Amino acid sequence: MSKITPLQVYTNPILVHGHSEGWIYRISDNYVVKVAARERYKKDMFHEIKIARLLYSFGISVPEPIICDFVNVRDIVEIGYIMEYIDGITNEPSTRQQANDEVNKADKLGFSRVKNIDGNYVDNPEWIFTKDKKIKLIDFTKWKYKGF
């Protein structure tokens, strides 16, 4: 059996959010992990952490990406994408413009999102609205950076 990350402090992780890509569990006071909800995300998480690290390094408002490592949040040891825990509200409608402003900053730096055949984005920006009234963009599996 694989050893789990020392970043997982909680013996009973707290389910924070779930969607088609992955399930988010709080694993300590400071960290959450995103584990695969579908098989494809097991590969996509490595792309997502690369994009998140680039965004973070350029000063785009995202949760700090930490590492992909082994956790035990669903009674099995599995790999997950560990990032900074952000206390807030997901996709608060009144803060959509703040999120769009942050996406536009990323666009100017060479980041892009996948478009469908009609020219519309496959995914919309997602974000967390924090208690200090800022946003943190999340979910980057369909983002690209200057070709990769």
Protein backbone atom coordinates (compact mmCIF):
# COMPACT_ATOMS: atom_id res chain seq x y z
CA MET A 1 0.00 0.00 0.00
CA SER A 2 1.25 3.47 -0.85
CA LYS A 3 1.98 5.94 1.86
CA ILE A 4 -0.28 8.98 1.94
CA THR A 5 1.01 12.55 1.91
CA PRO A 6 2.00 14.11 5.22
CA LEU A 7 -0.15 17.09 4.13
CA GLN A 8 -3.27 15.02 4.93
CA VAL A 9 -3.83 15.71 8.60
CA TYR A 10 -7.56 14.98 8.89
CA THR A 11 -8.40 11.32 9.44
CA ASN A 12 -11.94 12.11 8.29
CA PRO A 13 -11.53 14.47 5.32
CA ILE A 14 -14.43 16.85 4.67
CA LEU A 15 -16.17 16.78 1.28
CA VAL A 16 -16.23 20.41 0.13
CA HIS A 17 -17.47 20.22 -3.45
CA GLY A 18 -17.91 17.79 -6.32
CA HIS A 19 -18.43 18.07 -10.05
CA SER A 20 -17.75 16.12 -13.24
CA GLU A 21 -13.93 16.29 -13.00
CA GLY A 22 -13.29 15.63 -9.39
CA TRP A 23 -14.29 15.68 -5.76
CA ILE A 24 -12.73 18.26 -3.47
CA TYR A 25 -11.94 17.20 0.10
CA ARG A 26 -10.47 19.27 2.86
CA ILE A 27 -7.51 17.29 4.21
CA SER A 28 -6.16 19.80 6.75
CA ASP A 29 -6.72 23.34 7.96
CA ASN A 30 -4.58 24.57 5.05
CA TYR A 31 -5.11 22.13 2.15
CA VAL A 32 -7.71 20.51 -0.06
CA VAL A 33 -7.30 17.71 -2.56
CA LYS A 34 -9.11 17.12 -5.85
CA VAL A 35 -9.52 13.40 -6.60
CA ALA A 36 -10.85 11.98 -9.85
CA ALA A 37 -14.59 11.70 -10.35
CA ARG A 38 -13.91 10.20 -13.78
CA GLU A 39 -10.99 8.22 -15.15
CA ARG A 40 -9.83 10.99 -17.50
CA TYR A 41 -9.04 13.33 -14.59
CA LYS A 42 -6.32 10.96 -13.39
CA LYS A 43 -4.27 12.29 -16.35
CA ASP A 44 -5.81 15.77 -16.49
CA MET A 45 -4.75 16.61 -12.92
CA PHE A 46 -1.10 16.77 -14.00
CA HIS A 47 -1.98 19.26 -16.75
CA GLU A 48 -4.13 21.24 -14.31
CA ILE A 49 -1.35 21.62 -11.74
CA LYS A 50 1.09 22.77 -14.47
CA ILE A 51 -1.35 25.46 -15.61
CA ALA A 52 -2.14 26.46 -12.02
CA ARG A 53 1.58 26.78 -11.22
CA LEU A 54 2.09 29.02 -14.25
CA LEU A 55 -0.94 31.16 -13.41
CA TYR A 56 0.22 31.45 -9.80
CA SER A 57 3.77 32.37 -10.84
CA PHE A 58 2.41 35.15 -13.08
CA GLY A 59 0.38 36.60 -10.21
CA ILE A 60 -3.04 35.45 -11.40
CA SER A 61 -5.36 34.94 -8.43
CA VAL A 62 -5.55 31.16 -7.98
CA PRO A 63 -5.22 28.86 -4.95
CA GLU A 64 -1.56 27.99 -4.46
CA PRO A 65 -0.91 24.67 -6.24
CA ILE A 66 1.08 22.35 -3.98
CA ILE A 67 1.62 18.84 -5.40
CA CYS A 68 -0.01 15.74 -6.83
CA ASP A 69 0.35 13.10 -4.14
CA PHE A 70 -1.37 10.12 -2.55
CA VAL A 71 -4.30 10.67 -0.18
CA ASN A 72 -6.97 8.55 1.48
CA VAL A 73 -10.26 10.43 1.38
CA ARG A 74 -12.66 7.73 0.13
CA ASP A 75 -11.30 4.69 1.99
CA ILE A 76 -8.79 4.02 -0.78
CA VAL A 77 -5.32 5.36 -1.39
CA GLU A 78 -5.36 7.36 -4.62
CA ILE A 79 -3.53 10.23 -6.23
CA GLY A 80 -4.95 13.71 -6.05
CA TYR A 81 -4.10 17.32 -6.79
CA ILE A 82 -3.37 19.13 -3.52
CA MET A 83 -3.81 22.89 -3.32
CA GLU A 84 -4.27 25.68 -0.81
CA TYR A 85 -7.62 25.71 0.99
CA ILE A 86 -9.63 28.84 0.21
CA ASP A 87 -12.56 29.70 2.46
CA GLY A 88 -15.33 31.24 0.39
CA ILE A 89 -18.29 30.82 -1.94
CA THR A 90 -17.99 29.08 -5.31
CA ASN A 91 -19.11 31.03 -8.39
CA GLU A 92 -20.90 33.85 -6.55
CA PRO A 93 -22.87 35.48 -9.42
CA SER A 94 -22.32 39.05 -8.20
CA THR A 95 -18.55 38.59 -8.62
CA ARG A 96 -18.59 37.34 -12.21
CA GLN A 97 -16.98 40.55 -13.51
CA GLN A 98 -14.07 40.19 -11.05
CA ALA A 99 -13.55 36.63 -12.31
CA ASN A 100 -13.73 37.76 -15.94
CA ASP A 101 -11.18 40.49 -15.23
CA GLU A 102 -8.77 37.88 -13.85
CA VAL A 103 -9.36 35.60 -16.87
CA ASN A 104 -8.65 38.56 -19.17
CA LYS A 105 -5.33 39.16 -17.36
CA ALA A 106 -4.46 35.51 -17.96
CA ASP A 107 -5.45 35.79 -21.64
CA LYS A 108 -3.05 38.71 -22.07
CA LEU A 109 -0.24 36.57 -20.64
CA GLY A 110 -0.81 33.82 -23.25
CA PHE A 111 -3.31 31.54 -21.52
CA SER A 112 -6.38 30.33 -23.39
CA ARG A 113 -9.35 28.03 -22.98
CA VAL A 114 -10.69 25.43 -25.40
CA LYS A 115 -13.47 26.53 -27.75
CA ASN A 116 -16.06 24.30 -29.40
CA ILE A 117 -16.92 24.29 -33.10
CA ASP A 118 -19.30 27.25 -32.60
CA GLY A 119 -16.49 29.35 -31.13
CA ASN A 120 -17.88 29.25 -27.60
CA TYR A 121 -15.73 28.24 -24.64
CA VAL A 122 -16.11 24.61 -23.59
CA ASP A 123 -15.93 25.72 -19.96
CA ASN A 124 -16.79 28.95 -18.24
CA PRO A 125 -14.46 30.48 -15.67
CA GLU A 126 -14.98 29.10 -12.19
CA TRP A 127 -13.89 30.85 -9.03
CA ILE A 128 -14.13 31.13 -5.28
CA PHE A 129 -15.21 34.43 -3.73
CA THR A 130 -13.19 34.82 -0.53
CA LYS A 131 -14.15 36.36 2.79
CA ASP A 132 -11.83 39.28 2.04
CA LYS A 133 -13.89 39.98 -1.12
CA LYS A 134 -11.40 38.71 -3.66
CA ILE A 135 -11.72 35.93 -6.19
CA LYS A 136 -9.53 32.90 -6.83
CA LEU A 137 -9.91 31.21 -10.22
CA ILE A 138 -10.18 27.40 -10.15
CA ASP A 139 -10.43 24.43 -12.56
CA PHE A 140 -7.87 24.60 -15.36
CA THR A 141 -7.96 21.22 -17.11
CA LYS A 142 -9.09 22.78 -20.39
CA TRP A 143 -6.75 25.77 -20.25
CA LYS A 144 -3.67 26.06 -22.43
CA TYR A 145 -0.55 28.18 -22.22
CA LYS A 146 1.02 29.26 -25.51
CA GLY A 147 0.47 25.90 -27.12
CA PHE A 148 0.85 23.29 -24.41
